[in-house]
PDB file of N, CA and C in Angstrom:
ATOM      1  N   MET A   1     -53.641   2.573  21.824  1.00  0.00           N
ATOM      2  CA  MET A   1     -52.352   3.213  21.747  1.00  0.00           C
ATOM      3  C   MET A   1     -51.287   2.126  21.610  1.00  0.00           C
ATOM      4  N   PRO A   2     -50.363   2.228  20.580  1.00  0.00           N
ATOM      5  CA  PRO A   2     -49.363   1.190  20.379  1.00  0.00           C
ATOM      6  C   PRO A   2     -48.349   1.171  21.535  1.00  0.00           C
ATOM      7  N   THR A   3     -47.910  -0.039  21.862  1.00  0.00           N
ATOM      8  CA  THR A   3     -46.915  -0.153  22.936  1.00  0.00           C
ATOM      9  C   THR A   3     -45.514  -0.061  22.352  1.00  0.00           C
ATOM     10  N   GLU A   4     -44.632   0.503  23.109  1.00  0.00           N
ATOM     11  CA  GLU A   4     -43.244   0.604  22.664  1.00  0.00           C
ATOM     12  C   GLU A   4     -42.560  -0.740  22.858  1.00  0.00           C
ATOM     13  N   LYS A   5     -41.679  -1.064  21.918  1.00  0.00           N
ATOM     14  CA  LYS A   5     -40.904  -2.288  22.073  1.00  0.00           C
ATOM     15  C   LYS A   5     -39.937  -2.106  23.229  1.00  0.00           C
ATOM     16  N   ALA A   6     -39.814  -3.135  24.039  1.00  0.00           N
ATOM     17  CA  ALA A   6     -38.869  -3.070  25.151  1.00  0.00           C
ATOM     18  C   ALA A   6     -37.455  -3.154  24.587  1.00  0.00           C
ATOM     19  N   LYS A   7     -36.605  -2.242  25.045  1.00  0.00           N
ATOM     20  CA  LYS A   7     -35.222  -2.260  24.592  1.00  0.00           C
ATOM     21  C   LYS A   7     -34.473  -3.355  25.319  1.00  0.00           C
ATOM     22  N   LYS A   8     -33.656  -4.080  24.562  1.00  0.00           N
ATOM     23  CA  LYS A   8     -32.830  -5.109  25.177  1.00  0.00           C
ATOM     24  C   LYS A   8     -31.674  -4.441  25.898  1.00  0.00           C
ATOM     25  N   PRO A   9     -31.294  -4.974  27.056  1.00  0.00           N
ATOM     26  CA  PRO A   9     -30.137  -4.386  27.749  1.00  0.00           C
ATOM     27  C   PRO A   9     -28.868  -4.601  26.942  1.00  0.00           C
ATOM     28  N   ALA A  10     -27.934  -3.680  27.094  1.00  0.00           N
ATOM     29  CA  ALA A  10     -26.662  -3.779  26.384  1.00  0.00           C
ATOM     30  C   ALA A  10     -25.928  -5.029  26.840  1.00  0.00           C
ATOM     31  N   LYS A  11     -25.219  -5.646  25.902  1.00  0.00           N
ATOM     32  CA  LYS A  11     -24.439  -6.827  26.252  1.00  0.00           C
ATOM     33  C   LYS A  11     -23.230  -6.415  27.074  1.00  0.00           C
ATOM     34  N   ALA A  12     -22.869  -7.251  28.014  1.00  0.00           N
ATOM     35  CA  ALA A  12     -21.696  -6.984  28.835  1.00  0.00           C
ATOM     36  C   ALA A  12     -20.439  -7.316  28.044  1.00  0.00           C
ATOM     37  N   GLY A  13     -19.324  -6.768  28.467  1.00  0.00           N
ATOM     38  CA  GLY A  13     -18.057  -7.074  27.814  1.00  0.00           C
ATOM     39  C   GLY A  13     -17.573  -5.922  26.961  1.00  0.00           C
ATOM     40  N   ARG A  14     -16.476  -6.175  26.295  1.00  0.00           N
ATOM     41  CA  ARG A  14     -15.870  -5.145  25.453  1.00  0.00           C
ATOM     42  C   ARG A  14     -16.663  -4.969  24.166  1.00  0.00           C
ATOM     43  N   PRO A  15     -16.699  -3.737  23.658  1.00  0.00           N
ATOM     44  CA  PRO A  15     -17.371  -3.525  22.372  1.00  0.00           C
ATOM     45  C   PRO A  15     -16.559  -4.161  21.248  1.00  0.00           C
ATOM     46  N   LYS A  16     -17.217  -4.479  20.167  1.00  0.00           N
ATOM     47  CA  LYS A  16     -16.528  -5.059  19.027  1.00  0.00           C
ATOM     48  C   LYS A  16     -15.552  -4.031  18.474  1.00  0.00           C
ATOM     49  N   GLY A  17     -14.330  -4.474  18.220  1.00  0.00           N
ATOM     50  CA  GLY A  17     -13.305  -3.574  17.731  1.00  0.00           C
ATOM     51  C   GLY A  17     -13.135  -3.682  16.227  1.00  0.00           C
ATOM     52  N   THR A  18     -12.186  -2.919  15.725  1.00  0.00           N
ATOM     53  CA  THR A  18     -11.920  -2.921  14.290  1.00  0.00           C
ATOM     54  C   THR A  18     -10.768  -3.843  13.928  1.00  0.00           C
ATOM     55  N   THR A  19     -10.083  -4.377  14.937  1.00  0.00           N
ATOM     56  CA  THR A  19      -8.963  -5.275  14.677  1.00  0.00           C
ATOM     57  C   THR A  19      -9.472  -6.716  14.587  1.00  0.00           C
ATOM     58  N   PRO A  20      -8.661  -7.601  14.029  1.00  0.00           N
ATOM     59  CA  PRO A  20      -9.083  -9.002  13.957  1.00  0.00           C
ATOM     60  C   PRO A  20      -9.341  -9.564  15.353  1.00  0.00           C
ATOM     61  N   PRO A  21     -10.149 -10.608  15.439  1.00  0.00           N
ATOM     62  CA  PRO A  21     -10.435 -11.194  16.749  1.00  0.00           C
ATOM     63  C   PRO A  21      -9.149 -11.680  17.418  1.00  0.00           C
ATOM     64  N   LYS A  22      -9.155 -11.647  18.736  1.00  0.00           N
ATOM     65  CA  LYS A  22      -7.987 -12.063  19.508  1.00  0.00           C
ATOM     66  C   LYS A  22      -8.040 -13.562  19.772  1.00  0.00           C
ATOM     67  N   LYS A  23      -6.881 -14.151  19.911  1.00  0.00           N
ATOM     68  CA  LYS A  23      -6.740 -15.569  20.228  1.00  0.00           C
ATOM     69  C   LYS A  23      -5.836 -15.664  21.442  1.00  0.00           C
ATOM     70  N   THR A  24      -6.252 -16.363  22.464  1.00  0.00           N
ATOM     71  CA  THR A  24      -5.427 -16.525  23.655  1.00  0.00           C
ATOM     72  C   THR A  24      -4.307 -17.504  23.370  1.00  0.00           C
ATOM     73  N   THR A  25      -3.100 -17.122  23.764  1.00  0.00           N
ATOM     74  CA  THR A  25      -1.936 -17.972  23.553  1.00  0.00           C
ATOM     75  C   THR A  25      -0.925 -17.706  24.663  1.00  0.00           C
ATOM     76  N   THR A  26       0.084 -18.514  24.715  1.00  0.00           N
ATOM     77  CA  THR A  26       1.165 -18.319  25.678  1.00  0.00           C
ATOM     78  C   THR A  26       2.460 -18.110  24.910  1.00  0.00           C
ATOM     79  N   VAL A  27       3.177 -17.063  25.274  1.00  0.00           N
ATOM     80  CA  VAL A  27       4.460 -16.766  24.645  1.00  0.00           C
ATOM     81  C   VAL A  27       5.478 -16.589  25.757  1.00  0.00           C
ATOM     82  N   ARG A  28       6.594 -17.257  25.617  1.00  0.00           N
ATOM     83  CA  ARG A  28       7.669 -17.114  26.603  1.00  0.00           C
ATOM     84  C   ARG A  28       8.687 -16.122  26.060  1.00  0.00           C
ATOM     85  N   LEU A  29       8.908 -15.036  26.811  1.00  0.00           N
ATOM     86  CA  LEU A  29       9.847 -14.004  26.399  1.00  0.00           C
ATOM     87  C   LEU A  29      11.064 -14.027  27.314  1.00  0.00           C
ATOM     88  N   ASP A  30      12.217 -13.687  26.745  1.00  0.00           N
ATOM     89  CA  ASP A  30      13.438 -13.611  27.538  1.00  0.00           C
ATOM     90  C   ASP A  30      13.302 -12.503  28.581  1.00  0.00           C
ATOM     91  N   GLN A  31      13.952 -12.706  29.719  1.00  0.00           N
ATOM     92  CA  GLN A  31      13.858 -11.742  30.822  1.00  0.00           C
ATOM     93  C   GLN A  31      14.368 -10.363  30.418  1.00  0.00           C
ATOM     94  N   ASP A  32      15.434 -10.307  29.602  1.00  0.00           N
ATOM     95  CA  ASP A  32      15.955  -8.996  29.200  1.00  0.00           C
ATOM     96  C   ASP A  32      14.939  -8.222  28.359  1.00  0.00           C
ATOM     97  N   LEU A  33      14.139  -8.924  27.560  1.00  0.00           N
ATOM     98  CA  LEU A  33      13.085  -8.251  26.781  1.00  0.00           C
ATOM     99  C   LEU A  33      12.005  -7.702  27.703  1.00  0.00           C
ATOM    100  N   LEU A  34      11.580  -8.512  28.663  1.00  0.00           N
ATOM    101  CA  LEU A  34      10.565  -8.057  29.612  1.00  0.00           C
ATOM    102  C   LEU A  34      11.072  -6.864  30.427  1.00  0.00           C
ATOM    103  N   ASP A  35      12.337  -6.917  30.829  1.00  0.00           N
ATOM    104  CA  ASP A  35      12.917  -5.790  31.572  1.00  0.00           C
ATOM    105  C   ASP A  35      12.881  -4.522  30.732  1.00  0.00           C
ATOM    106  N   TRP A  36      13.269  -4.625  29.444  1.00  0.00           N
ATOM    107  CA  TRP A  36      13.268  -3.456  28.570  1.00  0.00           C
ATOM    108  C   TRP A  36      11.845  -2.921  28.404  1.00  0.00           C
ATOM    109  N   ILE A  37      10.898  -3.821  28.175  1.00  0.00           N
ATOM    110  CA  ILE A  37       9.498  -3.404  28.002  1.00  0.00           C
ATOM    111  C   ILE A  37       9.014  -2.685  29.255  1.00  0.00           C
ATOM    112  N   ASN A  38       9.278  -3.250  30.421  1.00  0.00           N
ATOM    113  CA  ASN A  38       8.818  -2.641  31.678  1.00  0.00           C
ATOM    114  C   ASN A  38       9.451  -1.270  31.910  1.00  0.00           C
ATOM    115  N   GLU A  39      10.659  -1.065  31.435  1.00  0.00           N
ATOM    116  CA  GLU A  39      11.344   0.216  31.633  1.00  0.00           C
ATOM    117  C   GLU A  39      10.974   1.254  30.576  1.00  0.00           C
ATOM    118  N   ASN A  40      10.546   0.825  29.388  1.00  0.00           N
ATOM    119  CA  ASN A  40      10.393   1.755  28.263  1.00  0.00           C
ATOM    120  C   ASN A  40       8.985   1.913  27.705  1.00  0.00           C
ATOM    121  N   VAL A  41       8.111   0.995  27.978  1.00  0.00           N
ATOM    122  CA  VAL A  41       6.756   1.079  27.427  1.00  0.00           C
ATOM    123  C   VAL A  41       5.845   1.679  28.498  1.00  0.00           C
ATOM    124  N   PRO A  42       5.069   2.707  28.136  1.00  0.00           N
ATOM    125  CA  PRO A  42       4.177   3.328  29.122  1.00  0.00           C
ATOM    126  C   PRO A  42       3.222   2.307  29.741  1.00  0.00           C
ATOM    127  N   ARG A  43       2.889   2.525  31.000  1.00  0.00           N
ATOM    128  CA  ARG A  43       2.025   1.593  31.734  1.00  0.00           C
ATOM    129  C   ARG A  43       0.621   1.492  31.139  1.00  0.00           C
ATOM    130  N   ASN A  44       0.193   2.510  30.395  1.00  0.00           N
ATOM    131  CA  ASN A  44      -1.156   2.453  29.827  1.00  0.00           C
ATOM    132  C   ASN A  44      -1.212   1.663  28.517  1.00  0.00           C
ATOM    133  N   VAL A  45      -0.076   1.105  28.077  1.00  0.00           N
ATOM    134  CA  VAL A  45      -0.029   0.269  26.869  1.00  0.00           C
ATOM    135  C   VAL A  45       0.058  -1.186  27.324  1.00  0.00           C
ATOM    136  N   SER A  46      -0.880  -1.993  26.879  1.00  0.00           N
ATOM    137  CA  SER A  46      -0.872  -3.396  27.292  1.00  0.00           C
ATOM    138  C   SER A  46       0.260  -4.153  26.600  1.00  0.00           C
ATOM    139  N   LEU A  47       0.723  -5.196  27.245  1.00  0.00           N
ATOM    140  CA  LEU A  47       1.789  -6.014  26.673  1.00  0.00           C
ATOM    141  C   LEU A  47       1.341  -6.603  25.343  1.00  0.00           C
ATOM    142  N   SER A  48       0.103  -7.089  25.270  1.00  0.00           N
ATOM    143  CA  SER A  48      -0.360  -7.687  24.015  1.00  0.00           C
ATOM    144  C   SER A  48      -0.424  -6.645  22.895  1.00  0.00           C
ATOM    145  N   ALA A  49      -0.847  -5.427  23.206  1.00  0.00           N
ATOM    146  CA  ALA A  49      -0.892  -4.373  22.189  1.00  0.00           C
ATOM    147  C   ALA A  49       0.520  -4.035  21.711  1.00  0.00           C
ATOM    148  N   PHE A  50       1.473  -3.970  22.631  1.00  0.00           N
ATOM    149  CA  PHE A  50       2.851  -3.664  22.277  1.00  0.00           C
ATOM    150  C   PHE A  50       3.433  -4.763  21.398  1.00  0.00           C
ATOM    151  N   VAL A  51       3.244  -6.009  21.785  1.00  0.00           N
ATOM    152  CA  VAL A  51       3.784  -7.134  21.012  1.00  0.00           C
ATOM    153  C   VAL A  51       3.113  -7.205  19.642  1.00  0.00           C
ATOM    154  N   ASN A  52       1.796  -7.021  19.578  1.00  0.00           N
ATOM    155  CA  ASN A  52       1.097  -7.024  18.287  1.00  0.00           C
ATOM    156  C   ASN A  52       1.690  -5.979  17.345  1.00  0.00           C
ATOM    157  N   GLU A  53       1.888  -4.772  17.849  1.00  0.00           N
ATOM    158  CA  GLU A  53       2.420  -3.698  17.007  1.00  0.00           C
ATOM    159  C   GLU A  53       3.846  -4.016  16.546  1.00  0.00           C
ATOM    160  N   ALA A  54       4.672  -4.527  17.467  1.00  0.00           N
ATOM    161  CA  ALA A  54       6.062  -4.845  17.120  1.00  0.00           C
ATOM    162  C   ALA A  54       6.127  -5.952  16.064  1.00  0.00           C
ATOM    163  N   VAL A  55       5.308  -6.968  16.205  1.00  0.00           N
ATOM    164  CA  VAL A  55       5.315  -8.068  15.246  1.00  0.00           C
ATOM    165  C   VAL A  55       4.776  -7.600  13.897  1.00  0.00           C
ATOM    166  N   ARG A  56       3.714  -6.786  13.903  1.00  0.00           N
ATOM    167  CA  ARG A  56       3.178  -6.257  12.638  1.00  0.00           C
ATOM    168  C   ARG A  56       4.225  -5.409  11.906  1.00  0.00           C
ATOM    169  N   GLU A  57       4.981  -4.592  12.659  1.00  0.00           N
ATOM    170  CA  GLU A  57       6.033  -3.775  12.043  1.00  0.00           C
ATOM    171  C   GLU A  57       7.115  -4.659  11.435  1.00  0.00           C
ATOM    172  N   LYS A  58       7.502  -5.710  12.125  1.00  0.00           N
ATOM    173  CA  LYS A  58       8.532  -6.620  11.612  1.00  0.00           C
ATOM    174  C   LYS A  58       8.031  -7.348  10.372  1.00  0.00           C
ATOM    175  N   ILE A  59       6.783  -7.786  10.373  1.00  0.00           N
ATOM    176  CA  ILE A  59       6.208  -8.455   9.209  1.00  0.00           C
ATOM    177  C   ILE A  59       6.207  -7.506   8.015  1.00  0.00           C
ATOM    178  N   ALA A  60       5.801  -6.254   8.230  1.00  0.00           N
ATOM    179  CA  ALA A  60       5.789  -5.264   7.142  1.00  0.00           C
ATOM    180  C   ALA A  60       7.197  -5.034   6.610  1.00  0.00           C
ATOM    181  N   GLN A  61       8.162  -4.951   7.520  1.00  0.00           N
ATOM    182  CA  GLN A  61       9.566  -4.757   7.115  1.00  0.00           C
ATOM    183  C   GLN A  61      10.052  -5.924   6.276  1.00  0.00           C
ATOM    184  N   LEU A  62       9.760  -7.132   6.697  1.00  0.00           N
ATOM    185  CA  LEU A  62      10.195  -8.317   5.942  1.00  0.00           C
ATOM    186  C   LEU A  62       9.478  -8.425   4.605  1.00  0.00           C
ATOM    187  N   SER A  63       8.224  -8.014   4.563  1.00  0.00           N
ATOM    188  CA  SER A  63       7.451  -8.070   3.323  1.00  0.00           C
ATOM    189  C   SER A  63       7.997  -7.107   2.279  1.00  0.00           C
ATOM    190  N   ARG A  64       8.506  -5.955   2.720  1.00  0.00           N
ATOM    191  CA  ARG A  64       9.077  -4.970   1.782  1.00  0.00           C
ATOM    192  C   ARG A  64      10.375  -5.461   1.183  1.00  0.00           C
ATOM    193  N   LYS A  65      11.091  -6.324   1.870  1.00  0.00           N
ATOM    194  CA  LYS A  65      12.390  -6.815   1.384  1.00  0.00           C
ATOM    195  C   LYS A  65      12.240  -7.817   0.257  1.00  0.00           C
ATOM    196  N   ARG A  66      11.081  -8.367   0.066  1.00  0.00           N
ATOM    197  CA  ARG A  66      10.872  -9.380  -0.978  1.00  0.00           C
ATOM    198  C   ARG A  66      10.851  -8.808  -2.340  1.00  0.00           C
TER     199      ARG A  66
END
């Protein structure tokens, strides 16, 4: 009787996403920006996700002006 192949355990960590790979960096933001973000962005939205979206929107806006 053939033996079943042993399944490998799932890898730990986050699943591969559809967005480009992330790069760790440090960004210094003005206090008034952080205050606005803390008051207006829902707690379930990460700061990096919010900043990524805002920068992508600005890049798209600038690209259309060319």
